[in-house]
N, C-alpha and C. Protein backbone atom coordinates (compact mmCIF):
# COMPACT_ATOMS: atom_id res chain seq x y z
N UNK A 1 44.26 -49.88 101.72
CA UNK A 1 42.61 -49.29 101.26
C UNK A 1 41.92 -48.90 102.90
N UNK A 2 40.75 -47.86 102.14
CA UNK A 2 39.89 -47.82 103.23
C UNK A 2 38.76 -48.11 103.39
N UNK A 3 37.92 -47.82 104.62
CA UNK A 3 36.61 -48.86 104.51
C UNK A 3 35.77 -48.22 105.42
N UNK A 4 33.83 -47.39 104.96
CA UNK A 4 33.03 -47.21 105.12
C UNK A 4 32.33 -47.94 105.33
N UNK A 5 31.68 -47.77 106.39
CA UNK A 5 30.08 -48.54 106.84
C UNK A 5 28.97 -48.12 106.35
N UNK A 6 27.91 -48.63 106.20
CA UNK A 6 26.92 -47.60 105.79
C UNK A 6 25.65 -48.87 106.56
N UNK A 7 24.23 -47.73 107.07
CA UNK A 7 23.32 -48.88 107.87
C UNK A 7 22.48 -47.83 107.15
N UNK A 8 21.68 -48.83 106.13
CA UNK A 8 20.11 -48.46 106.27
C UNK A 8 19.11 -49.05 106.59
N UNK A 9 18.29 -49.11 107.33
CA UNK A 9 16.78 -48.39 108.27
C UNK A 9 16.06 -48.46 107.61
N UNK A 10 14.58 -49.26 108.84
CA UNK A 10 13.21 -48.87 108.20
C UNK A 10 12.49 -48.02 109.52
N UNK A 11 14.00 -48.45 110.68
CA UNK A 11 12.87 -47.98 112.21
C UNK A 11 11.75 -48.95 111.56
N UNK A 12 11.37 -47.98 112.65
CA UNK A 12 9.94 -48.27 113.09
C UNK A 12 9.05 -47.74 112.85
N UNK A 13 9.88 -47.48 110.73
CA UNK A 13 8.06 -47.38 110.60
C UNK A 13 7.26 -47.98 109.46
N UNK A 14 6.39 -48.39 108.13
CA UNK A 14 5.58 -48.86 108.14
C UNK A 14 6.06 -50.24 107.39
N UNK A 15 5.43 -51.19 107.48
CA UNK A 15 5.91 -52.07 105.70
C UNK A 15 6.58 -51.44 104.40
N UNK A 16 5.90 -49.90 104.04
CA UNK A 16 6.27 -49.36 103.11
C UNK A 16 8.08 -49.56 102.97
N UNK A 17 8.67 -48.87 104.66
CA UNK A 17 10.05 -48.43 104.93
C UNK A 17 10.19 -49.76 104.67
N UNK A 18 10.55 -50.74 105.13
CA UNK A 18 10.77 -51.97 104.72
C UNK A 18 11.63 -52.22 102.62
N UNK A 19 9.93 -52.05 102.35
CA UNK A 19 10.19 -52.13 100.47
C UNK A 19 11.53 -50.99 99.93
N UNK A 20 11.63 -49.55 100.40
CA UNK A 20 12.51 -48.98 99.95
C UNK A 20 13.51 -49.43 100.49
N UNK A 21 13.78 -49.82 101.88
CA UNK A 21 14.94 -50.44 102.64
C UNK A 21 15.77 -51.55 101.66
N UNK A 22 15.12 -52.55 100.85
CA UNK A 22 14.68 -53.44 99.74
C UNK A 22 15.73 -52.68 98.52
N UNK A 23 14.81 -51.23 98.27
CA UNK A 23 15.79 -50.57 96.97
C UNK A 23 16.86 -50.05 97.20
N UNK A 24 16.78 -49.16 97.69
CA UNK A 24 17.95 -48.49 98.02
C UNK A 24 18.60 -49.44 98.27
N UNK A 25 19.14 -50.97 99.01
CA UNK A 25 20.27 -51.96 99.39
C UNK A 25 20.90 -52.10 97.37
N UNK A 26 20.07 -52.53 97.06
CA UNK A 26 19.76 -53.40 95.79
C UNK A 26 20.70 -52.27 94.93
N UNK A 27 20.41 -50.66 94.70
CA UNK A 27 20.29 -49.97 94.09
C UNK A 27 22.51 -49.64 94.37
N UNK A 28 22.59 -49.65 96.07
CA UNK A 28 23.86 -49.47 96.68
C UNK A 28 24.59 -50.32 96.12
N UNK A 29 24.45 -52.13 96.12
CA UNK A 29 25.33 -52.70 96.07
C UNK A 29 25.15 -52.97 94.34
N UNK A 30 24.60 -52.21 93.82
CA UNK A 30 24.76 -52.62 91.98
C UNK A 30 25.88 -51.51 91.66
N UNK A 31 25.25 -49.90 92.00
CA UNK A 31 26.69 -49.03 92.07
C UNK A 31 27.83 -49.73 92.46
N UNK A 32 27.92 -49.73 93.49
CA UNK A 32 29.53 -50.22 94.70
C UNK A 32 30.18 -51.49 93.68
N UNK A 33 29.52 -52.14 92.91
CA UNK A 33 30.32 -53.37 92.24
C UNK A 33 30.18 -52.48 90.74
N UNK A 34 29.25 -51.67 89.88
CA UNK A 34 30.09 -50.97 88.96
C UNK A 34 30.97 -50.13 89.12
N UNK A 35 31.72 -50.01 90.16
CA UNK A 35 32.54 -49.33 90.42
C UNK A 35 34.25 -49.40 91.33
N UNK A 36 33.43 -51.41 91.09
CA UNK A 36 34.68 -51.99 91.30
C UNK A 36 35.10 -52.03 93.10
N UNK A 37 34.13 -51.73 93.84
CA UNK A 37 34.54 -51.75 95.57
C UNK A 37 33.80 -53.06 95.49
N UNK A 38 34.56 -53.55 96.77
CA UNK A 38 34.79 -54.69 97.38
C UNK A 38 33.91 -54.22 98.52
N UNK A 39 32.35 -55.44 98.88
CA UNK A 39 31.83 -55.10 99.93
C UNK A 39 31.32 -56.08 101.31
N UNK A 40 31.14 -55.80 101.72
CA UNK A 40 30.68 -57.04 102.80
C UNK A 40 29.52 -56.96 103.43
N UNK A 41 28.12 -58.03 103.54
CA UNK A 41 27.17 -57.48 104.06
C UNK A 41 27.29 -57.87 105.30
N UNK A 42 27.58 -56.97 106.36
CA UNK A 42 27.50 -57.77 107.67
C UNK A 42 25.70 -57.96 108.31
N UNK A 43 25.38 -57.64 108.14
CA UNK A 43 23.80 -57.88 108.38
C UNK A 43 22.85 -57.41 107.72
N UNK A 44 22.21 -58.02 108.05
CA UNK A 44 20.82 -58.18 107.58
C UNK A 44 19.43 -58.76 108.11
N UNK A 45 18.09 -58.08 107.58
CA UNK A 45 17.51 -57.96 108.93
C UNK A 45 16.26 -58.29 107.76
N UNK A 46 14.77 -59.05 108.06
CA UNK A 46 14.06 -59.16 106.92
C UNK A 46 13.80 -58.74 106.59
N UNK A 47 12.72 -58.05 106.14
CA UNK A 47 11.38 -57.24 106.65
C UNK A 47 9.92 -57.89 106.75
N UNK A 48 8.55 -57.45 106.79
CA UNK A 48 7.12 -58.48 106.85
C UNK A 48 7.20 -59.30 106.01
N UNK A 49 7.13 -58.52 104.88
CA UNK A 49 7.06 -58.89 104.17
C UNK A 49 7.31 -59.56 103.37
N UNK A 50 7.20 -60.44 102.58
CA UNK A 50 7.96 -60.95 101.17
C UNK A 50 8.83 -60.31 100.61
N UNK A 51 10.04 -59.96 99.72
CA UNK A 51 11.05 -59.29 99.21
C UNK A 51 11.75 -58.20 100.23
N UNK A 52 11.42 -57.82 101.47
CA UNK A 52 11.33 -56.45 101.85
C UNK A 52 13.27 -56.91 102.89
N UNK A 53 13.23 -55.50 103.19
CA UNK A 53 13.72 -55.35 104.38
C UNK A 53 14.44 -54.96 105.54
N UNK A 54 14.32 -55.24 106.21
CA UNK A 54 13.73 -54.43 107.62
C UNK A 54 15.17 -53.27 108.08
N UNK A 55 16.55 -54.07 107.84
CA UNK A 55 17.83 -53.09 108.76
C UNK A 55 18.87 -53.54 107.72
N UNK A 56 19.63 -52.77 106.77
CA UNK A 56 20.77 -53.88 106.44
C UNK A 56 22.64 -53.07 106.70
N UNK A 57 23.35 -53.74 106.94
CA UNK A 57 24.70 -52.74 107.82
C UNK A 57 25.70 -53.67 106.00
N UNK A 58 26.08 -52.81 105.98
CA UNK A 58 26.75 -53.22 104.73
C UNK A 58 28.43 -52.13 104.51
N UNK A 59 29.22 -53.12 104.47
CA UNK A 59 30.88 -52.54 104.53
C UNK A 59 31.61 -52.14 103.11
N UNK A 60 32.04 -50.79 102.47
CA UNK A 60 32.47 -50.62 101.91
C UNK A 60 33.68 -51.38 101.74
N UNK A 61 34.38 -51.32 100.68
CA UNK A 61 35.80 -51.17 100.74
C UNK A 61 37.09 -50.73 99.70
N UNK A 62 37.71 -50.12 99.60
CA UNK A 62 38.54 -49.34 98.55
C UNK A 62 40.12 -48.54 98.42
N UNK A 63 40.70 -48.76 97.41
CA UNK A 63 41.21 -47.85 97.08
C UNK A 63 41.12 -45.82 97.70
N UNK A 64 42.01 -45.54 98.30
CA UNK A 64 41.93 -43.77 98.71
C UNK A 64 42.56 -43.45 97.50
N UNK A 65 41.74 -43.17 96.49
CA UNK A 65 42.53 -42.58 94.37
C UNK A 65 41.08 -41.45 94.00
N UNK A 66 40.13 -41.51 94.30
CA UNK A 66 39.20 -40.73 94.06
C UNK A 66 39.67 -39.27 95.31
């Protein structure tokens, strides 16, 4: 089983960047689930506004058959 680690971050960008990180994370996790891959959310830092994410680190695991 191969693993990959992905980090999504807003860096020092404005609050709008935190909103984008939250949306990208949501889409990523939906696609990973649809592809029947395993994932572990290693780290998630909340953004300043409700429902936003400043950064997230996700580890993906799956068979190397693609």
